[in-house]
Amino acid sequence: MLAVLGQPSGSPVRVCRFSPDSAYLVSGAADGSIALWNVNSMKLY
């Protein structure tokens, strides 16, 4: 499965990493904001 998830702030994503169990993805944007996503549900926390 492939999905495109935008940074909620609209700022360009500069880094992203999966949790050790691959259940979550965290992204960091150029404006310093971060987003935490549940990979299975695609829910933003």
PDB file of N, CA and C in Angstrom:
ATOM      1  N   MET A   1       0.838  -1.166   0.000  1.00  0.00           N
ATOM      2  CA  MET A   1       0.000   0.000   0.000  1.00  0.00           C
ATOM      3  C   MET A   1       0.887   1.233   0.000  1.00  0.00           C
ATOM      4  N   LEU A   2       0.461   2.218  -0.741  1.00  0.00           N
ATOM      5  CA  LEU A   2       1.178   3.484  -0.821  1.00  0.00           C
ATOM      6  C   LEU A   2       0.200   4.602  -0.516  1.00  0.00           C
ATOM      7  N   ALA A   3       0.624   5.536   0.304  1.00  0.00           N
ATOM      8  CA  ALA A   3      -0.228   6.675   0.645  1.00  0.00           C
ATOM      9  C   ALA A   3       0.624   7.935   0.676  1.00  0.00           C
ATOM     10  N   VAL A   4       0.024   9.030   0.335  1.00  0.00           N
ATOM     11  CA  VAL A   4       0.682  10.323   0.426  1.00  0.00           C
ATOM     12  C   VAL A   4       0.006  11.088   1.553  1.00  0.00           C
ATOM     13  N   LEU A   5       0.778  11.374   2.580  1.00  0.00           N
ATOM     14  CA  LEU A   5       0.259  12.088   3.743  1.00  0.00           C
ATOM     15  C   LEU A   5       0.926  13.449   3.803  1.00  0.00           C
ATOM     16  N   GLY A   6       0.154  14.488   3.754  1.00  0.00           N
ATOM     17  CA  GLY A   6       0.707  15.834   3.824  1.00  0.00           C
ATOM     18  C   GLY A   6       0.929  16.269   5.259  1.00  0.00           C
ATOM     19  N   GLN A   7       1.887  17.144   5.447  1.00  0.00           N
ATOM     20  CA  GLN A   7       2.126  17.718   6.768  1.00  0.00           C
ATOM     21  C   GLN A   7       0.956  18.648   7.081  1.00  0.00           C
ATOM     22  N   PRO A   8       0.316  18.488   8.234  1.00  0.00           N
ATOM     23  CA  PRO A   8      -0.848  19.316   8.568  1.00  0.00           C
ATOM     24  C   PRO A   8      -0.583  20.819   8.481  1.00  0.00           C
ATOM     25  N   SER A   9       0.642  21.234   8.752  1.00  0.00           N
ATOM     26  CA  SER A   9       0.962  22.664   8.712  1.00  0.00           C
ATOM     27  C   SER A   9       1.096  23.182   7.288  1.00  0.00           C
ATOM     28  N   GLY A  10       1.230  22.276   6.320  1.00  0.00           N
ATOM     29  CA  GLY A  10       1.428  22.683   4.933  1.00  0.00           C
ATOM     30  C   GLY A  10       2.884  22.962   4.592  1.00  0.00           C
ATOM     31  N   SER A  11       3.758  22.937   5.577  1.00  0.00           N
ATOM     32  CA  SER A  11       5.182  23.171   5.374  1.00  0.00           C
ATOM     33  C   SER A  11       5.833  21.917   4.790  1.00  0.00           C
ATOM     34  N   PRO A  12       6.886  22.064   3.967  1.00  0.00           N
ATOM     35  CA  PRO A  12       7.545  20.893   3.390  1.00  0.00           C
ATOM     36  C   PRO A  12       8.112  19.950   4.461  1.00  0.00           C
ATOM     37  N   VAL A  13       7.932  18.667   4.258  1.00  0.00           N
ATOM     38  CA  VAL A  13       8.469  17.648   5.161  1.00  0.00           C
ATOM     39  C   VAL A  13       9.969  17.540   4.925  1.00  0.00           C
ATOM     40  N   ARG A  14      10.734  17.545   6.007  1.00  0.00           N
ATOM     41  CA  ARG A  14      12.195  17.450   5.927  1.00  0.00           C
ATOM     42  C   ARG A  14      12.725  16.103   6.398  1.00  0.00           C
ATOM     43  N   VAL A  15      11.978  15.427   7.270  1.00  0.00           N
ATOM     44  CA  VAL A  15      12.431  14.142   7.794  1.00  0.00           C
ATOM     45  C   VAL A  15      11.220  13.316   8.198  1.00  0.00           C
ATOM     46  N   CYS A  16      11.330  12.003   8.062  1.00  0.00           N
ATOM     47  CA  CYS A  16      10.284  11.113   8.575  1.00  0.00           C
ATOM     48  C   CYS A  16      10.934   9.801   9.000  1.00  0.00           C
ATOM     49  N   ARG A  17      10.368   9.202  10.034  1.00  0.00           N
ATOM     50  CA  ARG A  17      10.899   7.957  10.594  1.00  0.00           C
ATOM     51  C   ARG A  17       9.748   7.093  11.069  1.00  0.00           C
ATOM     52  N   PHE A  18       9.933   5.778  10.927  1.00  0.00           N
ATOM     53  CA  PHE A  18       8.981   4.804  11.456  1.00  0.00           C
ATOM     54  C   PHE A  18       9.357   4.439  12.884  1.00  0.00           C
ATOM     55  N   SER A  19       8.354   4.091  13.686  1.00  0.00           N
ATOM     56  CA  SER A  19       8.605   3.559  15.024  1.00  0.00           C
ATOM     57  C   SER A  19       9.248   2.179  14.872  1.00  0.00           C
ATOM     58  N   PRO A  20       9.914   1.668  15.918  1.00  0.00           N
ATOM     59  CA  PRO A  20      10.559   0.354  15.823  1.00  0.00           C
ATOM     60  C   PRO A  20       9.619  -0.776  15.391  1.00  0.00           C
ATOM     61  N   ASP A  21       8.347  -0.688  15.758  1.00  0.00           N
ATOM     62  CA  ASP A  21       7.389  -1.733  15.367  1.00  0.00           C
ATOM     63  C   ASP A  21       6.657  -1.402  14.062  1.00  0.00           C
ATOM     64  N   SER A  22       7.035  -0.305  13.419  1.00  0.00           N
ATOM     65  CA  SER A  22       6.446   0.156  12.152  1.00  0.00           C
ATOM     66  C   SER A  22       4.965   0.494  12.244  1.00  0.00           C
ATOM     67  N   ALA A  23       4.458   0.688  13.446  1.00  0.00           N
ATOM     68  CA  ALA A  23       3.045   1.028  13.621  1.00  0.00           C
ATOM     69  C   ALA A  23       2.790   2.525  13.455  1.00  0.00           C
ATOM     70  N   TYR A  24       3.826   3.342  13.627  1.00  0.00           N
ATOM     71  CA  TYR A  24       3.672   4.793  13.563  1.00  0.00           C
ATOM     72  C   TYR A  24       4.733   5.406  12.666  1.00  0.00           C
ATOM     73  N   LEU A  25       4.385   6.545  12.111  1.00  0.00           N
ATOM     74  CA  LEU A  25       5.311   7.332  11.310  1.00  0.00           C
ATOM     75  C   LEU A  25       5.291   8.741  11.873  1.00  0.00           C
ATOM     76  N   VAL A  26       6.461   9.284  12.139  1.00  0.00           N
ATOM     77  CA  VAL A  26       6.546  10.667  12.601  1.00  0.00           C
ATOM     78  C   VAL A  26       7.252  11.468  11.513  1.00  0.00           C
ATOM     79  N   SER A  27       6.744  12.660  11.255  1.00  0.00           N
ATOM     80  CA  SER A  27       7.359  13.521  10.250  1.00  0.00           C
ATOM     81  C   SER A  27       7.657  14.878  10.867  1.00  0.00           C
ATOM     82  N   GLY A  28       8.732  15.474  10.404  1.00  0.00           N
ATOM     83  CA  GLY A  28       9.122  16.806  10.846  1.00  0.00           C
ATOM     84  C   GLY A  28       9.179  17.732   9.651  1.00  0.00           C
ATOM     85  N   ALA A  29       8.638  18.928   9.810  1.00  0.00           N
ATOM     86  CA  ALA A  29       8.551  19.874   8.702  1.00  0.00           C
ATOM     87  C   ALA A  29       9.558  21.011   8.851  1.00  0.00           C
ATOM     88  N   ALA A  30       9.720  21.751   7.777  1.00  0.00           N
ATOM     89  CA  ALA A  30      10.661  22.867   7.744  1.00  0.00           C
ATOM     90  C   ALA A  30      10.321  23.945   8.765  1.00  0.00           C
ATOM     91  N   ASP A  31       9.049  24.070   9.127  1.00  0.00           N
ATOM     92  CA  ASP A  31       8.648  25.099  10.092  1.00  0.00           C
ATOM     93  C   ASP A  31       8.790  24.644  11.542  1.00  0.00           C
ATOM     94  N   GLY A  32       9.327  23.437  11.759  1.00  0.00           N
ATOM     95  CA  GLY A  32       9.536  22.914  13.105  1.00  0.00           C
ATOM     96  C   GLY A  32       8.380  22.096  13.647  1.00  0.00           C
ATOM     97  N   SER A  33       7.289  21.994  12.905  1.00  0.00           N
ATOM     98  CA  SER A  33       6.149  21.197  13.367  1.00  0.00           C
ATOM     99  C   SER A  33       6.427  19.710  13.158  1.00  0.00           C
ATOM    100  N   ILE A  34       5.768  18.885  13.956  1.00  0.00           N
ATOM    101  CA  ILE A  34       5.866  17.440  13.805  1.00  0.00           C
ATOM    102  C   ILE A  34       4.465  16.857  13.693  1.00  0.00           C
ATOM    103  N   ALA A  35       4.373  15.691  13.086  1.00  0.00           N
ATOM    104  CA  ALA A  35       3.098  14.983  12.969  1.00  0.00           C
ATOM    105  C   ALA A  35       3.351  13.513  13.254  1.00  0.00           C
ATOM    106  N   LEU A  36       2.428  12.883  13.960  1.00  0.00           N
ATOM    107  CA  LEU A  36       2.511  11.465  14.290  1.00  0.00           C
ATOM    108  C   LEU A  36       1.319  10.767  13.664  1.00  0.00           C
ATOM    109  N   TRP A  37       1.583   9.778  12.836  1.00  0.00           N
ATOM    110  CA  TRP A  37       0.549   9.056  12.100  1.00  0.00           C
ATOM    111  C   TRP A  37       0.516   7.595  12.517  1.00  0.00           C
ATOM    112  N   ASN A  38      -0.682   7.044  12.662  1.00  0.00           N
ATOM    113  CA  ASN A  38      -0.860   5.604  12.813  1.00  0.00           C
ATOM    114  C   ASN A  38      -0.843   5.039  11.399  1.00  0.00           C
ATOM    115  N   VAL A  39       0.087   4.154  11.109  1.00  0.00           N
ATOM    116  CA  VAL A  39       0.267   3.643   9.752  1.00  0.00           C
ATOM    117  C   VAL A  39      -0.939   2.836   9.285  1.00  0.00           C
ATOM    118  N   ASN A  40      -1.529   2.045  10.167  1.00  0.00           N
ATOM    119  CA  ASN A  40      -2.651   1.193   9.761  1.00  0.00           C
ATOM    120  C   ASN A  40      -3.931   1.977   9.518  1.00  0.00           C
ATOM    121  N   SER A  41      -4.262   2.887  10.405  1.00  0.00           N
ATOM    122  CA  SER A  41      -5.520   3.633  10.274  1.00  0.00           C
ATOM    123  C   SER A  41      -5.351   4.963   9.541  1.00  0.00           C
ATOM    124  N   MET A  42      -4.100   5.388   9.340  1.00  0.00           N
ATOM    125  CA  MET A  42      -3.758   6.683   8.747  1.00  0.00           C
ATOM    126  C   MET A  42      -4.297   7.844   9.582  1.00  0.00           C
ATOM    127  N   LYS A  43      -4.521   7.593  10.869  1.00  0.00           N
ATOM    128  CA  LYS A  43      -5.016   8.619  11.782  1.00  0.00           C
ATOM    129  C   LYS A  43      -3.865   9.506  12.233  1.00  0.00           C
ATOM    130  N   LEU A  44      -4.118  10.795  12.260  1.00  0.00           N
ATOM    131  CA  LEU A  44      -3.147  11.769  12.736  1.00  0.00           C
ATOM    132  C   LEU A  44      -3.388  12.029  14.214  1.00  0.00           C
ATOM    133  N   TYR A  45      -2.305  12.010  15.011  1.00  0.00           N
ATOM    134  CA  TYR A  45      -2.411  12.289  16.447  1.00  0.00           C
ATOM    135  C   TYR A  45      -1.849  13.653  16.751  1.00  0.00           C
TER     136      TYR A  45
END
